[in-house]
PDB file of N, CA and C in Angstrom:
ATOM      1  N   MET A   1     -11.417   0.837 -10.654  1.00  0.00           N
ATOM      2  CA  MET A   1     -10.497   0.778  -9.825  1.00  0.00           C
ATOM      3  C   MET A   1     -10.739   1.660  -8.219  1.00  0.00           C
ATOM      4  N   GLY A   2     -11.210   2.513  -8.319  1.00  0.00           N
ATOM      5  CA  GLY A   2     -11.360   3.081  -7.176  1.00  0.00           C
ATOM      6  C   GLY A   2     -10.313   4.281  -6.323  1.00  0.00           C
ATOM      7  N   ILE A   3      -9.425   3.349  -5.389  1.00  0.00           N
ATOM      8  CA  ILE A   3      -8.229   3.937  -5.266  1.00  0.00           C
ATOM      9  C   ILE A   3      -6.930   3.413  -5.791  1.00  0.00           C
ATOM     10  N   LYS A   4      -6.116   4.189  -6.293  1.00  0.00           N
ATOM     11  CA  LYS A   4      -4.993   3.934  -7.006  1.00  0.00           C
ATOM     12  C   LYS A   4      -3.786   4.143  -5.731  1.00  0.00           C
ATOM     13  N   VAL A   5      -3.311   2.964  -5.759  1.00  0.00           N
ATOM     14  CA  VAL A   5      -1.480   2.794  -4.909  1.00  0.00           C
ATOM     15  C   VAL A   5      -0.354   2.962  -5.417  1.00  0.00           C
ATOM     16  N   ASN A   6       0.134   4.017  -5.197  1.00  0.00           N
ATOM     17  CA  ASN A   6       1.214   4.688  -5.783  1.00  0.00           C
ATOM     18  C   ASN A   6       2.668   4.994  -4.910  1.00  0.00           C
ATOM     19  N   LEU A   7       2.496   3.253  -3.994  1.00  0.00           N
ATOM     20  CA  LEU A   7       4.074   3.436  -3.683  1.00  0.00           C
ATOM     21  C   LEU A   7       4.563   2.953  -3.695  1.00  0.00           C
ATOM     22  N   ASP A   8       4.858   2.428  -4.655  1.00  0.00           N
ATOM     23  CA  ASP A   8       6.007   1.669  -5.495  1.00  0.00           C
ATOM     24  C   ASP A   8       6.602   3.293  -6.318  1.00  0.00           C
ATOM     25  N   ARG A   9       5.864   4.301  -6.945  1.00  0.00           N
ATOM     26  CA  ARG A   9       6.263   5.555  -7.192  1.00  0.00           C
ATOM     27  C   ARG A   9       7.258   6.055  -5.968  1.00  0.00           C
ATOM     28  N   VAL A  10       6.467   6.509  -5.188  1.00  0.00           N
ATOM     29  CA  VAL A  10       6.866   7.051  -3.698  1.00  0.00           C
ATOM     30  C   VAL A  10       8.402   6.090  -3.371  1.00  0.00           C
ATOM     31  N   MET A  11       8.693   4.938  -2.864  1.00  0.00           N
ATOM     32  CA  MET A  11       9.315   3.907  -2.488  1.00  0.00           C
ATOM     33  C   MET A  11      10.701   4.354  -3.907  1.00  0.00           C
ATOM     34  N   LEU A  12      10.138   4.623  -4.780  1.00  0.00           N
ATOM     35  CA  LEU A  12      11.454   5.199  -6.420  1.00  0.00           C
ATOM     36  C   LEU A  12      11.990   6.532  -5.620  1.00  0.00           C
ATOM     37  N   ASP A  13      11.332   7.280  -5.447  1.00  0.00           N
ATOM     38  CA  ASP A  13      11.306   8.644  -5.467  1.00  0.00           C
ATOM     39  C   ASP A  13      12.495   8.746  -3.538  1.00  0.00           C
ATOM     40  N   ARG A  14      11.817   8.149  -2.828  1.00  0.00           N
ATOM     41  CA  ARG A  14      12.808   7.968  -2.013  1.00  0.00           C
ATOM     42  C   ARG A  14      13.950   7.082  -1.810  1.00  0.00           C
ATOM     43  N   GLY A  15      13.741   6.136  -2.724  1.00  0.00           N
ATOM     44  CA  GLY A  15      15.167   5.577  -2.904  1.00  0.00           C
ATOM     45  C   GLY A  15      15.272   4.081  -1.836  1.00  0.00           C
ATOM     46  N   VAL A  16      14.227   3.703  -1.660  1.00  0.00           N
ATOM     47  CA  VAL A  16      13.788   2.646  -0.711  1.00  0.00           C
ATOM     48  C   VAL A  16      13.384   1.480  -1.564  1.00  0.00           C
ATOM     49  N   SER A  17      13.605   0.541  -0.810  1.00  0.00           N
ATOM     50  CA  SER A  17      14.060  -1.079  -1.143  1.00  0.00           C
ATOM     51  C   SER A  17      12.399  -1.934  -0.918  1.00  0.00           C
ATOM     52  N   LEU A  18      11.983  -2.670  -1.516  1.00  0.00           N
ATOM     53  CA  LEU A  18      10.684  -3.127  -0.215  1.00  0.00           C
ATOM     54  C   LEU A  18      11.035  -3.929   0.674  1.00  0.00           C
ATOM     55  N   THR A  19      12.110  -4.761   0.477  1.00  0.00           N
ATOM     56  CA  THR A  19      12.695  -5.183   1.200  1.00  0.00           C
ATOM     57  C   THR A  19      13.304  -4.411   2.862  1.00  0.00           C
ATOM     58  N   GLU A  20      13.823  -3.801   2.405  1.00  0.00           N
ATOM     59  CA  GLU A  20      13.669  -2.261   3.678  1.00  0.00           C
ATOM     60  C   GLU A  20      13.107  -1.787   4.577  1.00  0.00           C
ATOM     61  N   LEU A  21      11.868  -1.567   3.525  1.00  0.00           N
ATOM     62  CA  LEU A  21      10.619  -0.643   4.061  1.00  0.00           C
ATOM     63  C   LEU A  21      10.126  -1.614   4.984  1.00  0.00           C
ATOM     64  N   ALA A  22      10.083  -2.691   4.487  1.00  0.00           N
ATOM     65  CA  ALA A  22       9.214  -3.919   5.435  1.00  0.00           C
ATOM     66  C   ALA A  22       9.655  -3.944   6.689  1.00  0.00           C
ATOM     67  N   GLN A  23      11.029  -4.063   6.538  1.00  0.00           N
ATOM     68  CA  GLN A  23      11.863  -4.242   8.146  1.00  0.00           C
ATOM     69  C   GLN A  23      11.467  -2.922   9.047  1.00  0.00           C
ATOM     70  N   LYS A  24      11.476  -1.833   8.461  1.00  0.00           N
ATOM     71  CA  LYS A  24      11.475  -0.509   8.940  1.00  0.00           C
ATOM     72  C   LYS A  24       9.785  -0.799   9.416  1.00  0.00           C
ATOM     73  N   VAL A  25       9.037  -0.717   8.746  1.00  0.00           N
ATOM     74  CA  VAL A  25       7.723  -0.593   9.237  1.00  0.00           C
ATOM     75  C   VAL A  25       7.106  -2.418  10.009  1.00  0.00           C
ATOM     76  N   GLY A  26       7.841  -3.413  10.005  1.00  0.00           N
ATOM     77  CA  GLY A  26       7.241  -4.147  10.739  1.00  0.00           C
ATOM     78  C   GLY A  26       6.125  -5.449   9.584  1.00  0.00           C
ATOM     79  N   LEU A  27       6.665  -5.341   9.056  1.00  0.00           N
ATOM     80  CA  LEU A  27       5.289  -6.387   7.483  1.00  0.00           C
ATOM     81  C   LEU A  27       6.493  -7.321   6.653  1.00  0.00           C
ATOM     82  N   THR A  28       5.483  -8.225   6.301  1.00  0.00           N
ATOM     83  CA  THR A  28       6.351  -9.098   5.983  1.00  0.00           C
ATOM     84  C   THR A  28       6.271  -8.826   4.309  1.00  0.00           C
ATOM     85  N   LEU A  29       7.131  -9.467   3.703  1.00  0.00           N
ATOM     86  CA  LEU A  29       7.633  -8.842   2.279  1.00  0.00           C
ATOM     87  C   LEU A  29       6.311  -9.235   1.678  1.00  0.00           C
ATOM     88  N   ALA A  30       5.507 -10.180   1.503  1.00  0.00           N
ATOM     89  CA  ALA A  30       4.340 -10.701   0.807  1.00  0.00           C
ATOM     90  C   ALA A  30       3.149  -9.589   1.186  1.00  0.00           C
ATOM     91  N   ASN A  31       3.115  -9.120   2.505  1.00  0.00           N
ATOM     92  CA  ASN A  31       1.781  -7.820   2.846  1.00  0.00           C
ATOM     93  C   ASN A  31       2.049  -6.811   2.283  1.00  0.00           C
ATOM     94  N   LEU A  32       4.009  -6.128   2.607  1.00  0.00           N
ATOM     95  CA  LEU A  32       3.862  -4.724   1.797  1.00  0.00           C
ATOM     96  C   LEU A  32       3.316  -5.216   0.120  1.00  0.00           C
ATOM     97  N   SER A  33       3.909  -6.310  -0.298  1.00  0.00           N
ATOM     98  CA  SER A  33       3.809  -6.475  -2.074  1.00  0.00           C
ATOM     99  C   SER A  33       2.505  -6.452  -2.673  1.00  0.00           C
ATOM    100  N   ILE A  34       1.532  -7.097  -1.502  1.00  0.00           N
ATOM    101  CA  ILE A  34       0.502  -6.971  -2.214  1.00  0.00           C
ATOM    102  C   ILE A  34      -0.258  -5.696  -1.770  1.00  0.00           C
ATOM    103  N   LEU A  35      -0.091  -4.622  -0.942  1.00  0.00           N
ATOM    104  CA  LEU A  35      -0.123  -3.206  -0.958  1.00  0.00           C
ATOM    105  C   LEU A  35       0.236  -2.597  -2.174  1.00  0.00           C
ATOM    106  N   LYS A  36       1.334  -2.461  -2.323  1.00  0.00           N
ATOM    107  CA  LYS A  36       2.236  -2.057  -3.657  1.00  0.00           C
ATOM    108  C   LYS A  36       1.366  -2.428  -4.972  1.00  0.00           C
ATOM    109  N   SER A  37       1.001  -3.617  -5.036  1.00  0.00           N
ATOM    110  CA  SER A  37       0.769  -3.929  -6.136  1.00  0.00           C
ATOM    111  C   SER A  37      -1.224  -3.584  -6.570  1.00  0.00           C
ATOM    112  N   ASN A  38      -1.178  -2.808  -5.530  1.00  0.00           N
ATOM    113  CA  ASN A  38      -3.210  -2.135  -5.359  1.00  0.00           C
ATOM    114  C   ASN A  38      -3.836  -3.995  -5.303  1.00  0.00           C
ATOM    115  N   LYS A  39      -3.832  -4.477  -4.216  1.00  0.00           N
ATOM    116  CA  LYS A  39      -4.566  -5.860  -4.015  1.00  0.00           C
ATOM    117  C   LYS A  39      -4.971  -5.523  -2.834  1.00  0.00           C
ATOM    118  N   ALA A  40      -4.828  -4.347  -2.091  1.00  0.00           N
ATOM    119  CA  ALA A  40      -4.531  -4.719  -0.613  1.00  0.00           C
ATOM    120  C   ALA A  40      -6.620  -4.647  -0.724  1.00  0.00           C
ATOM    121  N   ARG A  41      -7.125  -4.869   0.064  1.00  0.00           N
ATOM    122  CA  ARG A  41      -8.675  -4.269  -0.055  1.00  0.00           C
ATOM    123  C   ARG A  41      -8.608  -3.210   1.587  1.00  0.00           C
ATOM    124  N   ALA A  42      -7.676  -3.275   2.642  1.00  0.00           N
ATOM    125  CA  ALA A  42      -7.525  -2.454   3.890  1.00  0.00           C
ATOM    126  C   ALA A  42      -6.495  -2.016   4.122  1.00  0.00           C
ATOM    127  N   VAL A  43      -6.287  -1.060   4.969  1.00  0.00           N
ATOM    128  CA  VAL A  43      -4.683  -1.083   5.627  1.00  0.00           C
ATOM    129  C   VAL A  43      -4.826  -0.862   6.952  1.00  0.00           C
ATOM    130  N   ARG A  44      -4.149  -1.005   7.868  1.00  0.00           N
ATOM    131  CA  ARG A  44      -4.672  -0.163   9.525  1.00  0.00           C
ATOM    132  C   ARG A  44      -3.924   1.483   9.389  1.00  0.00           C
ATOM    133  N   PHE A  45      -4.638   2.115   9.748  1.00  0.00           N
ATOM    134  CA  PHE A  45      -3.791   3.656  10.570  1.00  0.00           C
ATOM    135  C   PHE A  45      -2.551   2.904  10.608  1.00  0.00           C
ATOM    136  N   SER A  46      -2.161   2.438  11.904  1.00  0.00           N
ATOM    137  CA  SER A  46      -1.095   2.244  12.434  1.00  0.00           C
ATOM    138  C   SER A  46      -0.223   1.807  11.382  1.00  0.00           C
ATOM    139  N   THR A  47      -0.121   0.970  10.411  1.00  0.00           N
ATOM    140  CA  THR A  47       0.722   0.152   9.299  1.00  0.00           C
ATOM    141  C   THR A  47       1.144   1.770   8.414  1.00  0.00           C
ATOM    142  N   LEU A  48      -0.282   2.034   8.281  1.00  0.00           N
ATOM    143  CA  LEU A  48       0.429   3.673   6.855  1.00  0.00           C
ATOM    144  C   LEU A  48       1.114   4.605   8.014  1.00  0.00           C
ATOM    145  N   GLU A  49       0.804   4.789   8.778  1.00  0.00           N
ATOM    146  CA  GLU A  49       1.522   6.130   9.745  1.00  0.00           C
ATOM    147  C   GLU A  49       2.916   6.047   9.470  1.00  0.00           C
ATOM    148  N   GLN A  50       3.194   4.521   9.802  1.00  0.00           N
ATOM    149  CA  GLN A  50       4.694   3.650   9.700  1.00  0.00           C
ATOM    150  C   GLN A  50       5.115   4.242   8.448  1.00  0.00           C
ATOM    151  N   ILE A  51       4.642   3.444   7.636  1.00  0.00           N
ATOM    152  CA  ILE A  51       4.714   4.057   6.260  1.00  0.00           C
ATOM    153  C   ILE A  51       5.253   5.159   6.064  1.00  0.00           C
ATOM    154  N   CYS A  52       4.207   5.789   6.379  1.00  0.00           N
ATOM    155  CA  CYS A  52       4.378   7.676   5.865  1.00  0.00           C
ATOM    156  C   CYS A  52       5.206   8.038   6.984  1.00  0.00           C
ATOM    157  N   ARG A  53       5.366   8.036   7.446  1.00  0.00           N
ATOM    158  CA  ARG A  53       6.862   7.887   8.865  1.00  0.00           C
ATOM    159  C   ARG A  53       8.342   7.759   8.176  1.00  0.00           C
ATOM    160  N   HIS A  54       8.620   6.273   7.327  1.00  0.00           N
ATOM    161  CA  HIS A  54       9.770   6.018   7.275  1.00  0.00           C
ATOM    162  C   HIS A  54      10.163   6.998   5.743  1.00  0.00           C
ATOM    163  N   LEU A  55       8.892   7.126   4.700  1.00  0.00           N
ATOM    164  CA  LEU A  55       9.170   7.259   3.438  1.00  0.00           C
ATOM    165  C   LEU A  55       9.022   9.044   3.555  1.00  0.00           C
ATOM    166  N   LYS A  56       8.641   9.124   5.019  1.00  0.00           N
ATOM    167  CA  LYS A  56       8.620  10.754   4.761  1.00  0.00           C
ATOM    168  C   LYS A  56       7.429  11.573   4.116  1.00  0.00           C
ATOM    169  N   CYS A  57       6.514  11.140   4.191  1.00  0.00           N
ATOM    170  CA  CYS A  57       5.403  11.584   3.274  1.00  0.00           C
ATOM    171  C   CYS A  57       3.889  11.747   3.864  1.00  0.00           C
ATOM    172  N   GLN A  58       3.217  12.024   3.044  1.00  0.00           N
ATOM    173  CA  GLN A  58       1.839  12.092   3.440  1.00  0.00           C
ATOM    174  C   GLN A  58       1.351  10.800   2.670  1.00  0.00           C
ATOM    175  N   PRO A  59      -0.459  10.455   3.147  1.00  0.00           N
ATOM    176  CA  PRO A  59      -0.893   9.161   2.973  1.00  0.00           C
ATOM    177  C   PRO A  59      -1.225  10.054   1.897  1.00  0.00           C
ATOM    178  N   GLY A  60      -1.754  10.972   1.074  1.00  0.00           N
ATOM    179  CA  GLY A  60      -2.488  11.075   0.132  1.00  0.00           C
ATOM    180  C   GLY A  60      -1.590  11.181  -1.474  1.00  0.00           C
ATOM    181  N   ASP A  61       0.355  10.871  -0.639  1.00  0.00           N
ATOM    182  CA  ASP A  61       1.456  10.682  -1.719  1.00  0.00           C
ATOM    183  C   ASP A  61       1.258   9.399  -1.984  1.00  0.00           C
ATOM    184  N   ILE A  62       0.580   8.751  -1.272  1.00  0.00           N
ATOM    185  CA  ILE A  62       0.389   7.151  -1.945  1.00  0.00           C
ATOM    186  C   ILE A  62      -0.856   6.429  -1.906  1.00  0.00           C
ATOM    187  N   PHE A  63      -1.646   7.314  -1.683  1.00  0.00           N
ATOM    188  CA  PHE A  63      -3.460   6.654  -2.351  1.00  0.00           C
ATOM    189  C   PHE A  63      -3.747   7.901  -3.691  1.00  0.00           C
ATOM    190  N   GLU A  64      -4.823   7.722  -4.544  1.00  0.00           N
ATOM    191  CA  GLU A  64      -5.373   8.611  -5.201  1.00  0.00           C
ATOM    192  C   GLU A  64      -6.644   8.200  -5.537  1.00  0.00           C
ATOM    193  N   TYR A  65      -7.398   8.999  -5.485  1.00  0.00           N
ATOM    194  CA  TYR A  65      -8.685   8.497  -5.803  1.00  0.00           C
ATOM    195  C   TYR A  65      -8.579   8.298  -7.721  1.00  0.00           C
ATOM    196  N   VAL A  66      -9.014   7.163  -8.084  1.00  0.00           N
ATOM    197  CA  VAL A  66      -9.222   7.721  -9.667  1.00  0.00           C
ATOM    198  C   VAL A  66     -11.069   7.109  -9.779  1.00  0.00           C
ATOM    199  N   GLU A  67     -11.867   7.530 -10.928  1.00  0.00           N
ATOM    200  CA  GLU A  67     -12.794   7.658 -10.909  1.00  0.00           C
ATOM    201  C   GLU A  67     -12.992   6.820 -11.852  1.00  0.00           C
ATOM    202  N   THR A  68     -13.551   5.826 -12.171  1.00  0.00           N
ATOM    203  CA  THR A  68     -13.724   4.797 -12.885  1.00  0.00           C
ATOM    204  C   THR A  68     -15.493   4.163 -13.327  1.00  0.00           C
ATOM    205  N   GLY A  69     -15.978   3.391 -14.402  1.00  0.00           N
ATOM    206  CA  GLY A  69     -17.438   3.242 -13.988  1.00  0.00           C
ATOM    207  C   GLY A  69     -16.483   1.674 -14.080  1.00  0.00           C
ATOM    208  N   GLU A  70     -16.049   1.072 -13.225  1.00  0.00           N
ATOM    209  CA  GLU A  70     -15.868  -0.404 -12.973  1.00  0.00           C
ATOM    210  C   GLU A  70     -16.044  -0.850 -11.736  1.00  0.00           C
ATOM    211  N   PRO A  71     -16.767  -2.251 -11.487  1.00  0.00           N
ATOM    212  CA  PRO A  71     -16.965  -2.305 -10.020  1.00  0.00           C
ATOM    213  C   PRO A  71     -16.042  -3.056  -9.164  1.00  0.00           C
ATOM    214  N   GLN A  72     -15.866  -2.748  -8.558  1.00  0.00           N
ATOM    215  CA  GLN A  72     -15.084  -2.764  -7.140  1.00  0.00           C
ATOM    216  C   GLN A  72     -14.826  -4.879  -7.282  1.00  0.00           C
ATOM    217  N   PRO A  73     -13.313  -5.092  -7.201  1.00  0.00           N
ATOM    218  CA  PRO A  73     -13.319  -6.596  -7.502  1.00  0.00           C
ATOM    219  C   PRO A  73     -14.336  -7.115  -5.749  1.00  0.00           C
ATOM    220  N   LYS A  74     -14.909  -8.514  -5.519  1.00  0.00           N
ATOM    221  CA  LYS A  74     -15.420  -9.144  -4.217  1.00  0.00           C
ATOM    222  C   LYS A  74     -14.480  -9.453  -3.496  1.00  0.00           C
ATOM    223  N   GLU A  75     -14.429  -8.533  -1.980  1.00  0.00           N
ATOM    224  CA  GLU A  75     -13.579  -9.342  -0.820  1.00  0.00           C
ATOM    225  C   GLU A  75     -13.158 -10.788  -1.020  1.00  0.00           C
ATOM    226  N   GLU A  76     -13.941 -11.824  -1.583  1.00  0.00           N
ATOM    227  CA  GLU A  76     -13.728 -13.513  -1.528  1.00  0.00           C
ATOM    228  C   GLU A  76     -12.570 -13.345  -2.399  1.00  0.00           C
ATOM    229  N   GLU A  77     -12.317 -12.445  -3.322  1.00  0.00           N
ATOM    230  CA  GLU A  77     -11.439 -12.993  -4.168  1.00  0.00           C
ATOM    231  C   GLU A  77     -10.333 -13.383  -4.218  1.00  0.00           C
ATOM    232  N   GLU A  78      -9.588 -14.782  -4.148  1.00  0.00           N
ATOM    233  CA  GLU A  78      -8.259 -15.077  -4.122  1.00  0.00           C
ATOM    234  C   GLU A  78      -7.093 -13.993  -3.843  1.00  0.00           C
ATOM    235  N   GLY A  79      -6.008 -14.243  -2.749  1.00  0.00           N
ATOM    236  CA  GLY A  79      -5.081 -12.784  -2.366  1.00  0.00           C
ATOM    237  C   GLY A  79      -5.549 -11.614  -2.864  1.00  0.00           C
ATOM    238  N   VAL A  80      -6.878 -11.548  -2.240  1.00  0.00           N
ATOM    239  CA  VAL A  80      -6.787 -10.233  -1.685  1.00  0.00           C
ATOM    240  C   VAL A  80      -7.037 -10.217  -0.342  1.00  0.00           C
ATOM    241  N   GLY A  81      -6.132  -9.225   0.303  1.00  0.00           N
ATOM    242  CA  GLY A  81      -6.067  -9.441   1.630  1.00  0.00           C
ATOM    243  C   GLY A  81      -6.327  -7.703   2.586  1.00  0.00           C
ATOM    244  N   THR A  82      -6.447  -7.827   3.981  1.00  0.00           N
ATOM    245  CA  THR A  82      -6.041  -6.868   4.323  1.00  0.00           C
ATOM    246  C   THR A  82      -4.692  -6.543   5.062  1.00  0.00           C
ATOM    247  N   VAL A  83      -4.178  -5.358   4.944  1.00  0.00           N
ATOM    248  CA  VAL A  83      -2.627  -5.362   5.234  1.00  0.00           C
ATOM    249  C   VAL A  83      -2.011  -4.762   6.520  1.00  0.00           C
ATOM    250  N   ASP A  84      -1.910  -5.513   7.112  1.00  0.00           N
ATOM    251  CA  ASP A  84      -1.968  -4.805   8.546  1.00  0.00           C
ATOM    252  C   ASP A  84      -0.076  -5.162   9.278  1.00  0.00           C
ATOM    253  N   ALA A  85      -0.131  -4.414  10.782  1.00  0.00           N
ATOM    254  CA  ALA A  85       1.691  -4.717  11.187  1.00  0.00           C
ATOM    255  C   ALA A  85       1.241  -6.122  12.674  1.00  0.00           C
TER     256      ALA A  85
END
């Protein structure tokens, strides 16, 4: 797995909905959902900054390194994309 995205937990702790966060940071619901479901291959620092600003958190609250022996998915897999604003 490598990097685990805990955005759903941070949003729940802050009482922020997916729709509200998408509107505040200028992302589509689809792109934010890709990030939240741990399917994003990359995220722009500017997007991460906006998410952290709105959720009043640190990047480490959202991302966690999980050591596994599993291979990483290939970039060309369907449904995997880059999240950007």
